[in-house]
C-alpha atoms as a PDB file:
ATOM      1  CA  MET A   1    -159.176-118.472 -43.240  1.00  0.00           C
ATOM      2  CA  ARG A   2    -161.291-115.429 -44.047  1.00  0.00           C
ATOM      3  CA  ALA A   3    -160.504-113.766 -40.710  1.00  0.00           C
ATOM      4  CA  GLU A   4    -156.798-114.182 -41.413  1.00  0.00           C
ATOM      5  CA  ARG A   5    -157.236-112.769 -44.920  1.00  0.00           C
ATOM      6  CA  LEU A   6    -159.160-109.755 -43.622  1.00  0.00           C
ATOM      7  CA  LEU A   7    -156.368-109.050 -41.168  1.00  0.00           C
ATOM      8  CA  ARG A   8    -153.728-109.355 -43.895  1.00  0.00           C
ATOM      9  CA  LEU A   9    -155.763-107.007 -46.078  1.00  0.00           C
ATOM     10  CA  LEU A  10    -156.046-104.465 -43.274  1.00  0.00           C
ATOM     11  CA  LEU A  11    -152.340-104.607 -42.443  1.00  0.00           C
ATOM     12  CA  ARG A  12    -151.440-104.310 -46.128  1.00  0.00           C
ATOM     13  CA  LEU A  13    -153.430-101.086 -46.464  1.00  0.00           C
ATOM     14  CA  GLN A  14    -151.957 -99.785 -43.239  1.00  0.00           C
ATOM     15  CA  THR A  15    -148.335-100.423 -44.196  1.00  0.00           C
ATOM     16  CA  HIS A  16    -148.412 -99.831 -47.985  1.00  0.00           C
ATOM     17  CA  GLY A  17    -151.070 -97.160 -48.291  1.00  0.00           C
ATOM     18  CA  GLN A  18    -153.406 -96.841 -51.250  1.00  0.00           C
ATOM     19  CA  SER A  19    -153.611 -99.993 -53.381  1.00  0.00           C
ATOM     20  CA  THR A  20    -155.729-101.143 -56.282  1.00  0.00           C
ATOM     21  CA  VAL A  21    -158.003-104.154 -56.075  1.00  0.00           C
ATOM     22  CA  GLY A  22    -155.691-105.927 -58.502  1.00  0.00           C
ATOM     23  CA  GLN A  23    -152.648-105.319 -56.310  1.00  0.00           C
ATOM     24  CA  LEU A  24    -154.492-106.521 -53.230  1.00  0.00           C
ATOM     25  CA  ALA A  25    -155.748-109.618 -55.053  1.00  0.00           C
ATOM     26  CA  GLN A  26    -152.205-110.465 -56.147  1.00  0.00           C
ATOM     27  CA  HIS A  27    -150.860-109.999 -52.612  1.00  0.00           C
ATOM     28  CA  LEU A  28    -153.586-112.131 -51.034  1.00  0.00           C
ATOM     29  CA  GLU A  29    -153.631-114.658 -53.902  1.00  0.00           C
ATOM     30  CA  VAL A  30    -157.401-114.413 -54.352  1.00  0.00           C
ATOM     31  CA  SER A  31    -159.702-113.049 -57.032  1.00  0.00           C
ATOM     32  CA  PRO A  32    -160.505-109.315 -57.334  1.00  0.00           C
ATOM     33  CA  ARG A  33    -164.150-110.133 -56.540  1.00  0.00           C
ATOM     34  CA  THR A  34    -163.085-111.722 -53.238  1.00  0.00           C
ATOM     35  CA  VAL A  35    -161.053-108.623 -52.388  1.00  0.00           C
ATOM     36  CA  GLN A  36    -164.047-106.413 -53.120  1.00  0.00           C
ATOM     37  CA  ARG A  37    -166.233-108.491 -50.786  1.00  0.00           C
ATOM     38  CA  ASP A  38    -163.557-108.323 -48.072  1.00  0.00           C
ATOM     39  CA  LEU A  39    -163.299-104.537 -48.403  1.00  0.00           C
ATOM     40  CA  ASP A  40    -167.061-104.272 -48.023  1.00  0.00           C
ATOM     41  CA  ALA A  41    -166.870-106.490 -44.931  1.00  0.00           C
ATOM     42  CA  LEU A  42    -164.212-104.270 -43.371  1.00  0.00           C
ATOM     43  CA  SER A  43    -166.322-101.187 -44.045  1.00  0.00           C
ATOM     44  CA  LEU A  44    -169.403-102.777 -42.454  1.00  0.00           C
ATOM     45  CA  ALA A  45    -167.267-103.664 -39.417  1.00  0.00           C
ATOM     46  CA  GLY A  46    -166.408 -99.992 -38.898  1.00  0.00           C
ATOM     47  CA  VAL A  47    -162.926 -99.961 -40.448  1.00  0.00           C
ATOM     48  CA  PRO A  48    -162.557 -96.616 -42.316  1.00  0.00           C
ATOM     49  CA  VAL A  49    -161.656 -97.904 -45.777  1.00  0.00           C
ATOM     50  CA  TYR A  50    -162.599 -95.745 -48.730  1.00  0.00           C
ATOM     51  CA  SER A  51    -162.170 -95.852 -52.502  1.00  0.00           C
ATOM     52  CA  VAL A  52    -160.369 -93.270 -54.623  1.00  0.00           C
ATOM     53  CA  ARG A  53    -161.992 -92.884 -58.030  1.00  0.00           C
ATOM     54  CA  GLY A  54    -160.357 -92.205 -61.361  1.00  0.00           C
ATOM     55  CA  ARG A  55    -156.974 -92.947 -62.854  1.00  0.00           C
ATOM     56  CA  GLY A  56    -154.411 -93.906 -60.230  1.00  0.00           C
ATOM     57  CA  GLY A  57    -157.167 -94.638 -57.744  1.00  0.00           C
ATOM     58  CA  GLY A  58    -157.650 -97.566 -55.429  1.00  0.00           C
ATOM     59  CA  TRP A  59    -158.515 -98.301 -51.821  1.00  0.00           C
ATOM     60  CA  ALA A  60    -157.013 -96.740 -48.706  1.00  0.00           C
ATOM     61  CA  LEU A  61    -157.483 -96.234 -44.980  1.00  0.00           C
ATOM     62  CA  LEU A  62    -158.128 -92.867 -43.373  1.00  0.00           C
ATOM     63  CA  PRO A  63    -154.681 -91.322 -42.718  1.00  0.00           C
ATOM     64  CA  ASP A  64    -154.930 -91.329 -38.912  1.00  0.00           C
ATOM     65  CA  TYR A  65    -156.319 -94.854 -38.573  1.00  0.00           C
ATOM     66  CA  ARG A  66    -154.082 -97.494 -37.010  1.00  0.00           C
ATOM     67  CA  THR A  67    -155.183-100.944 -35.946  1.00  0.00           C
ATOM     68  CA  ARG A  68    -153.955-102.231 -32.593  1.00  0.00           C
ATOM     69  CA  LEU A  69    -153.849-105.768 -33.963  1.00  0.00           C
ATOM     70  CA  THR A  70    -150.412-107.104 -34.806  1.00  0.00           C
ATOM     71  CA  GLY A  71    -151.524-110.244 -36.596  1.00  0.00           C
ATOM     72  CA  LEU A  72    -148.338-111.946 -35.392  1.00  0.00           C
ATOM     73  CA  THR A  73    -148.416-115.657 -34.690  1.00  0.00           C
ATOM     74  CA  PRO A  74    -146.137-117.079 -31.940  1.00  0.00           C
ATOM     75  CA  ALA A  75    -143.739-118.372 -34.620  1.00  0.00           C
ATOM     76  CA  GLU A  76    -143.609-114.939 -36.276  1.00  0.00           C
ATOM     77  CA  VAL A  77    -142.937-113.286 -32.931  1.00  0.00           C
ATOM     78  CA  MET A  78    -140.018-115.650 -32.314  1.00  0.00           C
ATOM     79  CA  SER A  79    -138.571-114.911 -35.765  1.00  0.00           C
ATOM     80  CA  VAL A  80    -138.619-111.165 -35.052  1.00  0.00           C
ATOM     81  CA  PHE A  81    -137.002-111.273 -31.625  1.00  0.00           C
ATOM     82  CA  VAL A  82    -134.531-114.073 -32.258  1.00  0.00           C
ATOM     83  CA  GLY A  83    -133.487-113.169 -35.786  1.00  0.00           C
ATOM     84  CA  SER A  84    -131.678-109.878 -35.153  1.00  0.00           C
ATOM     85  CA  THR A  85    -127.922-109.953 -35.763  1.00  0.00           C
ATOM     86  CA  ALA A  86    -126.090-108.021 -33.054  1.00  0.00           C
ATOM     87  CA  HIS A  87    -122.834-107.260 -34.882  1.00  0.00           C
ATOM     88  CA  VAL A  88    -124.669-105.898 -37.939  1.00  0.00           C
ATOM     89  CA  LEU A  89    -126.723-103.544 -35.762  1.00  0.00           C
ATOM     90  CA  ALA A  90    -123.565-102.503 -33.926  1.00  0.00           C
ATOM     91  CA  ASP A  91    -121.818-101.630 -37.210  1.00  0.00           C
ATOM     92  CA  LEU A  92    -124.804 -99.457 -38.123  1.00  0.00           C
ATOM     93  CA  GLY A  93    -124.888 -97.862 -34.674  1.00  0.00           C
ATOM     94  CA  LEU A  94    -128.336 -99.290 -34.063  1.00  0.00           C
ATOM     95  CA  ASP A  95    -127.648-101.741 -31.236  1.00  0.00           C
ATOM     96  CA  ALA A  96    -129.061 -99.474 -28.512  1.00  0.00           C
ATOM     97  CA  SER A  97    -132.054 -98.580 -30.666  1.00  0.00           C
ATOM     98  CA  SER A  98    -132.695-102.272 -31.271  1.00  0.00           C
ATOM     99  CA  ASP A  99    -132.926-102.969 -27.543  1.00  0.00           C
ATOM    100  CA  GLN A 100    -135.354-100.082 -27.065  1.00  0.00           C
ATOM    101  CA  ALA A 101    -137.442-101.147 -30.061  1.00  0.00           C
ATOM    102  CA  SER A 102    -137.629-104.726 -28.774  1.00  0.00           C
ATOM    103  CA  ALA A 103    -138.843-103.515 -25.388  1.00  0.00           C
ATOM    104  CA  LYS A 104    -141.490-101.324 -27.005  1.00  0.00           C
ATOM    105  CA  LEU A 105    -142.658-104.103 -29.307  1.00  0.00           C
ATOM    106  CA  ILE A 106    -142.938-106.567 -26.444  1.00  0.00           C
ATOM    107  CA  ALA A 107    -144.943-104.042 -24.417  1.00  0.00           C
ATOM    108  CA  ALA A 108    -147.343-103.553 -27.334  1.00  0.00           C
ATOM    109  CA  LEU A 109    -148.041-107.269 -27.774  1.00  0.00           C
ATOM    110  CA  PRO A 110    -151.029-109.050 -26.236  1.00  0.00           C
ATOM    111  CA  GLU A 111    -150.282-110.796 -22.946  1.00  0.00           C
ATOM    112  CA  GLY A 112    -150.038-114.333 -24.361  1.00  0.00           C
ATOM    113  CA  THR A 113    -147.888-113.300 -27.309  1.00  0.00           C
ATOM    114  CA  ARG A 114    -145.714-111.166 -25.008  1.00  0.00           C
ATOM    115  CA  ARG A 115    -144.856-114.256 -22.974  1.00  0.00           C
ATOM    116  CA  GLU A 116    -143.871-116.095 -26.176  1.00  0.00           C
ATOM    117  CA  ALA A 117    -141.557-113.224 -27.162  1.00  0.00           C
ATOM    118  CA  GLU A 118    -139.873-113.018 -23.768  1.00  0.00           C
ATOM    119  CA  PHE A 119    -139.543-116.806 -23.638  1.00  0.00           C
ATOM    120  CA  ALA A 120    -137.807-116.899 -27.027  1.00  0.00           C
ATOM    121  CA  ARG A 121    -135.586-113.884 -26.375  1.00  0.00           C
ATOM    122  CA  GLN A 122    -134.249-115.363 -23.137  1.00  0.00           C
ATOM    123  CA  ARG A 123    -133.565-118.808 -24.597  1.00  0.00           C
ATOM    124  CA  LEU A 124    -132.502-118.435 -28.235  1.00  0.00           C
ATOM    125  CA  LEU A 125    -129.650-116.455 -29.742  1.00  0.00           C
ATOM    126  CA  VAL A 126    -128.424-116.288 -33.336  1.00  0.00           C
ATOM    127  CA  ASP A 127    -124.724-115.363 -33.541  1.00  0.00           C
ATOM    128  CA  HIS A 128    -123.308-115.273 -37.074  1.00  0.00           C
ATOM    129  CA  ALA A 129    -119.824-114.186 -35.990  1.00  0.00           C
ATOM    130  CA  GLY A 130    -116.947-116.672 -36.107  1.00  0.00           C
ATOM    131  CA  TRP A 131    -114.982-117.678 -33.031  1.00  0.00           C
ATOM    132  CA  ASP A 132    -111.961-115.630 -34.036  1.00  0.00           C
ATOM    133  CA  ASP A 133    -114.274-112.589 -34.289  1.00  0.00           C
ATOM    134  CA  ARG A 134    -112.087-111.006 -36.931  1.00  0.00           C
ATOM    135  CA  ARG A 135    -114.016-108.563 -39.059  1.00  0.00           C
ATOM    136  CA  GLU A 136    -113.291-105.793 -41.487  1.00  0.00           C
ATOM    137  CA  ALA A 137    -113.761-102.278 -40.213  1.00  0.00           C
ATOM    138  CA  PRO A 138    -116.707-100.916 -42.251  1.00  0.00           C
ATOM    139  CA  ARG A 139    -114.818 -97.728 -43.126  1.00  0.00           C
ATOM    140  CA  TRP A 140    -117.292 -96.305 -45.645  1.00  0.00           C
ATOM    141  CA  LEU A 141    -120.461 -97.682 -44.085  1.00  0.00           C
ATOM    142  CA  ASP A 142    -121.913 -94.405 -42.827  1.00  0.00           C
ATOM    143  CA  LEU A 143    -121.212 -92.605 -46.098  1.00  0.00           C
ATOM    144  CA  CYS A 144    -122.779 -95.379 -48.181  1.00  0.00           C
ATOM    145  CA  ARG A 145    -125.809 -95.503 -45.943  1.00  0.00           C
ATOM    146  CA  GLN A 146    -126.271 -91.740 -46.298  1.00  0.00           C
ATOM    147  CA  ALA A 147    -125.984 -92.038 -50.085  1.00  0.00           C
ATOM    148  CA  ILE A 148    -128.649 -94.758 -50.134  1.00  0.00           C
ATOM    149  CA  TRP A 149    -131.047 -92.878 -47.865  1.00  0.00           C
ATOM    150  CA  GLU A 150    -130.662 -89.559 -49.711  1.00  0.00           C
ATOM    151  CA  GLU A 151    -130.391 -91.126 -53.199  1.00  0.00           C
ATOM    152  CA  ARG A 152    -127.169 -89.300 -54.021  1.00  0.00           C
ATOM    153  CA  ARG A 153    -124.319 -90.597 -56.139  1.00  0.00           C
ATOM    154  CA  ILE A 154    -120.910 -91.294 -54.644  1.00  0.00           C
ATOM    155  CA  ALA A 155    -117.514 -91.194 -56.328  1.00  0.00           C
ATOM    156  CA  ILE A 156    -115.371 -94.164 -55.333  1.00  0.00           C
ATOM    157  CA  THR A 157    -111.939 -95.568 -56.090  1.00  0.00           C
ATOM    158  CA  TYR A 158    -111.945 -99.360 -56.001  1.00  0.00           C
ATOM    159  CA  ARG A 159    -108.960-101.631 -55.499  1.00  0.00           C
ATOM    160  CA  ASP A 160    -105.998-100.375 -57.542  1.00  0.00           C
ATOM    161  CA  ARG A 161    -107.916 -98.114 -59.901  1.00  0.00           C
ATOM    162  CA  THR A 162    -106.484 -94.602 -59.829  1.00  0.00           C
ATOM    163  CA  GLU A 163    -109.448 -92.745 -61.322  1.00  0.00           C
ATOM    164  CA  PRO A 164    -112.619 -92.446 -59.205  1.00  0.00           C
ATOM    165  CA  PHE A 165    -115.933 -93.315 -60.816  1.00  0.00           C
ATOM    166  CA  ARG A 166    -119.512 -92.564 -59.832  1.00  0.00           C
ATOM    167  CA  VAL A 167    -122.054 -95.124 -58.685  1.00  0.00           C
ATOM    168  CA  GLU A 168    -125.673 -95.045 -57.553  1.00  0.00           C
ATOM    169  CA  SER A 169    -125.940 -96.928 -54.274  1.00  0.00           C
ATOM    170  CA  LEU A 170    -128.922 -99.293 -54.110  1.00  0.00           C
ATOM    171  CA  GLY A 171    -128.269-101.280 -50.941  1.00  0.00           C
ATOM    172  CA  LEU A 172    -125.879-102.604 -48.307  1.00  0.00           C
ATOM    173  CA  VAL A 173    -125.427-106.290 -47.473  1.00  0.00           C
ATOM    174  CA  ALA A 174    -123.684-107.745 -44.423  1.00  0.00           C
ATOM    175  CA  LYS A 175    -122.315-111.199 -45.269  1.00  0.00           C
ATOM    176  CA  ASN A 176    -121.159-112.667 -41.967  1.00  0.00           C
ATOM    177  CA  ARG A 177    -118.834-109.868 -40.821  1.00  0.00           C
ATOM    178  CA  THR A 178    -118.101-108.377 -44.247  1.00  0.00           C
ATOM    179  CA  TRP A 179    -120.045-105.470 -45.767  1.00  0.00           C
ATOM    180  CA  TYR A 180    -120.855-105.097 -49.463  1.00  0.00           C
ATOM    181  CA  LEU A 181    -122.239-102.156 -51.414  1.00  0.00           C
ATOM    182  CA  VAL A 182    -124.703-102.965 -54.202  1.00  0.00           C
ATOM    183  CA  ALA A 183    -124.593-100.179 -56.778  1.00  0.00           C
ATOM    184  CA  ALA A 184    -125.096 -99.332 -60.442  1.00  0.00           C
ATOM    185  CA  LYS A 185    -123.246 -97.075 -62.848  1.00  0.00           C
ATOM    186  CA  PRO A 186    -125.181 -93.913 -63.845  1.00  0.00           C
ATOM    187  CA  ASN A 187    -127.031 -94.165 -67.165  1.00  0.00           C
ATOM    188  CA  ARG A 188    -125.888 -97.753 -67.553  1.00  0.00           C
ATOM    189  CA  PRO A 189    -127.091 -99.728 -70.593  1.00  0.00           C
ATOM    190  CA  ARG A 190    -129.511-102.583 -70.068  1.00  0.00           C
ATOM    191  CA  ASN A 191    -126.786-105.211 -70.438  1.00  0.00           C
ATOM    192  CA  ASP A 192    -124.592-103.618 -67.747  1.00  0.00           C
ATOM    193  CA  PRO A 193    -125.389-105.449 -64.493  1.00  0.00           C
ATOM    194  CA  VAL A 194    -125.773-104.033 -61.022  1.00  0.00           C
ATOM    195  CA  ARG A 195    -122.431-104.612 -59.316  1.00  0.00           C
ATOM    196  CA  THR A 196    -121.237-105.550 -55.833  1.00  0.00           C
ATOM    197  CA  TYR A 197    -118.347-103.731 -54.148  1.00  0.00           C
ATOM    198  CA  ARG A 198    -116.631-104.941 -50.992  1.00  0.00           C
ATOM    199  CA  LEU A 199    -116.395-101.973 -48.633  1.00  0.00           C
ATOM    200  CA  SER A 200    -112.919-102.909 -47.416  1.00  0.00           C
ATOM    201  CA  ARG A 201    -111.637-102.683 -51.020  1.00  0.00           C
ATOM    202  CA  ILE A 202    -112.939 -99.161 -51.563  1.00  0.00           C
ATOM    203  CA  THR A 203    -109.867 -96.939 -51.221  1.00  0.00           C
ATOM    204  CA  SER A 204    -111.700 -93.593 -51.383  1.00  0.00           C
ATOM    205  CA  ALA A 205    -115.320 -92.444 -51.353  1.00  0.00           C
ATOM    206  CA  THR A 206    -116.923 -89.024 -51.681  1.00  0.00           C
ATOM    207  CA  LEU A 207    -120.588 -88.113 -51.436  1.00  0.00           C
ATOM    208  CA  THR A 208    -121.623 -85.939 -54.384  1.00  0.00           C
ATOM    209  CA  ASP A 209    -124.540 -83.532 -54.816  1.00  0.00           C
ATOM    210  CA  GLU A 210    -125.831 -85.497 -57.799  1.00  0.00           C
ATOM    211  CA  ALA A 211    -129.248 -87.018 -57.119  1.00  0.00           C
ATOM    212  CA  PHE A 212    -130.564 -90.160 -58.760  1.00  0.00           C
ATOM    213  CA  THR A 213    -133.852 -92.045 -58.802  1.00  0.00           C
ATOM    214  CA  ARG A 214    -133.764 -95.542 -57.408  1.00  0.00           C
ATOM    215  CA  PRO A 215    -135.273 -98.082 -59.879  1.00  0.00           C
ATOM    216  CA  SER A 216    -138.760 -98.910 -58.662  1.00  0.00           C
ATOM    217  CA  ASP A 217    -138.417-102.553 -59.710  1.00  0.00           C
ATOM    218  CA  PHE A 218    -135.115-103.218 -57.909  1.00  0.00           C
ATOM    219  CA  ASP A 219    -135.410-105.745 -55.081  1.00  0.00           C
ATOM    220  CA  LEU A 220    -132.255-106.058 -52.941  1.00  0.00           C
ATOM    221  CA  THR A 221    -133.118-109.471 -51.486  1.00  0.00           C
ATOM    222  CA  GLN A 222    -133.875-110.942 -54.909  1.00  0.00           C
ATOM    223  CA  HIS A 223    -130.759-109.390 -56.451  1.00  0.00           C
ATOM    224  CA  TRP A 224    -128.499-110.762 -53.698  1.00  0.00           C
ATOM    225  CA  ALA A 225    -129.960-114.249 -54.063  1.00  0.00           C
ATOM    226  CA  GLN A 226    -129.269-114.163 -57.815  1.00  0.00           C
ATOM    227  CA  THR A 227    -125.746-112.874 -57.174  1.00  0.00           C
ATOM    228  CA  GLN A 228    -125.104-115.748 -54.761  1.00  0.00           C
ATOM    229  CA  ARG A 229    -126.317-118.314 -57.276  1.00  0.00           C
ATOM    230  CA  ARG A 230    -124.120-116.875 -60.033  1.00  0.00           C
ATOM    231  CA  PHE A 231    -121.096-116.799 -57.731  1.00  0.00           C
ATOM    232  CA  ARG A 232    -121.549-120.416 -56.629  1.00  0.00           C
ATOM    233  CA  ALA A 233    -121.886-121.459 -60.269  1.00  0.00           C
ATOM    234  CA  THR A 234    -118.386-120.081 -60.976  1.00  0.00           C
ATOM    235  CA  LEU A 235    -116.692-121.948 -58.134  1.00  0.00           C
ATOM    236  CA  PRO A 236    -114.463-124.939 -59.011  1.00  0.00           C
ATOM    237  CA  SER A 237    -116.207-128.254 -58.490  1.00  0.00           C
ATOM    238  CA  TYR A 238    -114.686-131.582 -57.466  1.00  0.00           C
ATOM    239  CA  PRO A 239    -117.414-134.009 -56.303  1.00  0.00           C
ATOM    240  CA  ILE A 240    -116.337-136.868 -54.055  1.00  0.00           C
ATOM    241  CA  VAL A 241    -117.906-139.772 -52.169  1.00  0.00           C
ATOM    242  CA  VAL A 242    -116.342-140.789 -48.854  1.00  0.00           C
ATOM    243  CA  ARG A 243    -117.152-143.284 -46.126  1.00  0.00           C
ATOM    244  CA  VAL A 244    -116.910-141.346 -42.866  1.00  0.00           C
ATOM    245  CA  ARG A 245    -117.237-142.279 -39.207  1.00  0.00           C
ATOM    246  CA  ASP A 246    -120.471-140.838 -37.881  1.00  0.00           C
ATOM    247  CA  HIS A 247    -118.807-138.431 -35.439  1.00  0.00           C
ATOM    248  CA  ALA A 248    -116.797-136.848 -38.296  1.00  0.00           C
ATOM    249  CA  VAL A 249    -119.612-136.334 -40.817  1.00  0.00           C
ATOM    250  CA  ARG A 250    -119.915-132.705 -39.700  1.00  0.00           C
ATOM    251  CA  ARG A 251    -116.429-132.052 -41.117  1.00  0.00           C
ATOM    252  CA  PHE A 252    -117.941-132.200 -44.603  1.00  0.00           C
ATOM    253  CA  ARG A 253    -120.743-130.246 -46.226  1.00  0.00           C
ATOM    254  CA  PRO A 254    -122.902-132.965 -47.808  1.00  0.00           C
ATOM    255  CA  THR A 255    -124.435-132.226 -51.200  1.00  0.00           C
ATOM    256  CA  ALA A 256    -126.897-135.103 -50.855  1.00  0.00           C
ATOM    257  CA  PRO A 257    -128.623-136.851 -47.949  1.00  0.00           C
ATOM    258  CA  VAL A 258    -126.122-138.730 -45.780  1.00  0.00           C
ATOM    259  CA  LYS A 259    -126.694-142.496 -45.953  1.00  0.00           C
ATOM    260  CA  ALA A 260    -125.946-144.905 -43.124  1.00  0.00           C
ATOM    261  CA  ASP A 261    -123.334-147.479 -44.107  1.00  0.00           C
ATOM    262  CA  ILE A 262    -121.796-150.194 -41.948  1.00  0.00           C
ATOM    263  CA  ASP A 263    -122.057-149.794 -38.201  1.00  0.00           C
ATOM    264  CA  GLY A 264    -120.710-146.410 -37.125  1.00  0.00           C
ATOM    265  CA  TRP A 265    -120.000-145.199 -40.664  1.00  0.00           C
ATOM    266  CA  SER A 266    -121.932-143.139 -43.211  1.00  0.00           C
ATOM    267  CA  LEU A 267    -121.652-142.445 -46.935  1.00  0.00           C
ATOM    268  CA  VAL A 268    -121.180-138.750 -47.654  1.00  0.00           C
ATOM    269  CA  HIS A 269    -121.359-136.941 -50.997  1.00  0.00           C
ATOM    270  CA  ALA A 270    -119.451-133.658 -50.942  1.00  0.00           C
ATOM    271  CA  ASP A 271    -118.123-131.086 -53.408  1.00  0.00           C
ATOM    272  CA  LEU A 272    -114.694-129.495 -52.924  1.00  0.00           C
ATOM    273  CA  GLU A 273    -112.604-127.219 -55.119  1.00  0.00           C
ATOM    274  CA  ASN A 274    -110.002-129.688 -56.400  1.00  0.00           C
ATOM    275  CA  VAL A 275    -108.242-132.984 -55.754  1.00  0.00           C
ATOM    276  CA  ASP A 276    -105.633-131.405 -53.441  1.00  0.00           C
ATOM    277  CA  GLU A 277    -108.269-129.875 -51.170  1.00  0.00           C
ATOM    278  CA  ALA A 278    -110.160-133.185 -51.098  1.00  0.00           C
ATOM    279  CA  CYS A 279    -106.961-135.068 -50.235  1.00  0.00           C
ATOM    280  CA  ALA A 280    -106.209-132.684 -47.377  1.00  0.00           C
ATOM    281  CA  ALA A 281    -109.757-133.074 -46.021  1.00  0.00           C
ATOM    282  CA  VAL A 282    -109.475-136.885 -46.008  1.00  0.00           C
ATOM    283  CA  LEU A 283    -106.006-136.945 -44.451  1.00  0.00           C
ATOM    284  CA  ALA A 284    -107.086-134.476 -41.760  1.00  0.00           C
ATOM    285  CA  LEU A 285    -109.463-137.102 -40.384  1.00  0.00           C
ATOM    286  CA  ALA A 286    -106.606-139.566 -39.800  1.00  0.00           C
ATOM    287  CA  GLY A 287    -108.392-142.748 -40.880  1.00  0.00           C
ATOM    288  CA  ASP A 288    -111.944-141.639 -40.046  1.00  0.00           C
ATOM    289  CA  ALA A 289    -112.622-141.045 -43.753  1.00  0.00           C
ATOM    290  CA  VAL A 290    -112.149-143.515 -46.601  1.00  0.00           C
ATOM    291  CA  VAL A 291    -112.406-142.513 -50.262  1.00  0.00           C
ATOM    292  CA  VAL A 292    -115.070-144.268 -52.315  1.00  0.00           C
ATOM    293  CA  ALA A 293    -114.864-142.108 -55.456  1.00  0.00           C
ATOM    294  CA  PRO A 294    -113.253-140.917 -57.617  1.00  0.00           C
ATOM    295  CA  PRO A 295    -110.339-143.383 -57.996  1.00  0.00           C
ATOM    296  CA  GLU A 296    -107.952-140.502 -58.688  1.00  0.00           C
ATOM    297  CA  LEU A 297    -108.534-139.216 -55.150  1.00  0.00           C
ATOM    298  CA  SER A 298    -107.733-142.623 -53.629  1.00  0.00           C
ATOM    299  CA  THR A 299    -104.401-142.660 -55.470  1.00  0.00           C
ATOM    300  CA  THR A 300    -103.592-139.110 -54.374  1.00  0.00           C
ATOM    301  CA  VAL A 301    -104.392-139.893 -50.738  1.00  0.00           C
ATOM    302  CA  ARG A 302    -102.216-143.054 -50.748  1.00  0.00           C
ATOM    303  CA  ARG A 303     -99.268-141.193 -52.233  1.00  0.00           C
ATOM    304  CA  ALA A 304     -99.618-138.302 -49.769  1.00  0.00           C
ATOM    305  CA  ALA A 305     -99.901-140.757 -46.846  1.00  0.00           C
ATOM    306  CA  GLY A 306     -96.768-142.568 -48.042  1.00  0.00           C
ATOM    307  CA  ARG A 307     -94.813-139.293 -48.072  1.00  0.00           C
ATOM    308  CA  ILE A 308     -96.035-138.579 -44.530  1.00  0.00           C
ATOM    309  CA  VAL A 309     -94.842-142.027 -43.335  1.00  0.00           C
ATOM    310  CA  GLU A 310     -91.448-141.564 -44.994  1.00  0.00           C
ATOM    311  CA  SER A 311     -90.942-138.102 -43.496  1.00  0.00           C
ATOM    312  CA  HIS A 312     -91.703-139.369 -39.985  1.00  0.00           C
END
């Protein structure tokens, strides 16, 4: 455990630069005294760590020092080489660079870990694109990326608004094959949230010469997770319980563990938007789904089935 912690400490200093003992203790989830002992151990082992005294001080590595250790476990190696999303990299123009980077990373790994990486890369693929492969052309992607990198405001027109307004771009998110810009209004009050703009709905965009300072406490991953939770909370909800033949369970998105029922059938709890959508989902399975609850849905399905019989 201590060897792993020492490696994490070393890699933290290498990637994040000068850090205080308190910051290191929080990252490693140990006491400041433990961090101090670990820093002393690294120094005795010949690692060039040194302390910076005074206000704003901390611990750092000599600028030119780089460890050859990766600290990557086989599972971490697999996550790196299998987790890349090809269409996102292609939109950003980074697909060729990704291939080159993967080759360089594999070459830099120890022999045993290199075999794990090659094994995973040849056998596992994550493809988030749908079968129809229809995607929006990321028209403003390059401009937004430049604005984020250079911390410059952009003036955009969104949807049917006629007057452009300025935003400070904080990040880009690829959701399946759709791109979103996460941005804030300049000098926004505290109660004005960071907003999300769908790139395909931006009708004009211009990069300005106005610089801005990105908030140091803004975390794109955390913000997107919160945005997703808020969005799901606003969706219509119509919970149902259906008895479904086992081969058709995948047609629903269960909201609770699927329970085995009579032979060849399972009980599925699902949540759809409304009674009409739920009725259509049940009828689409042509007898391989039977409504358990709510009673209103059973009535709706029987009536819809009767109209189908009469029309045929």
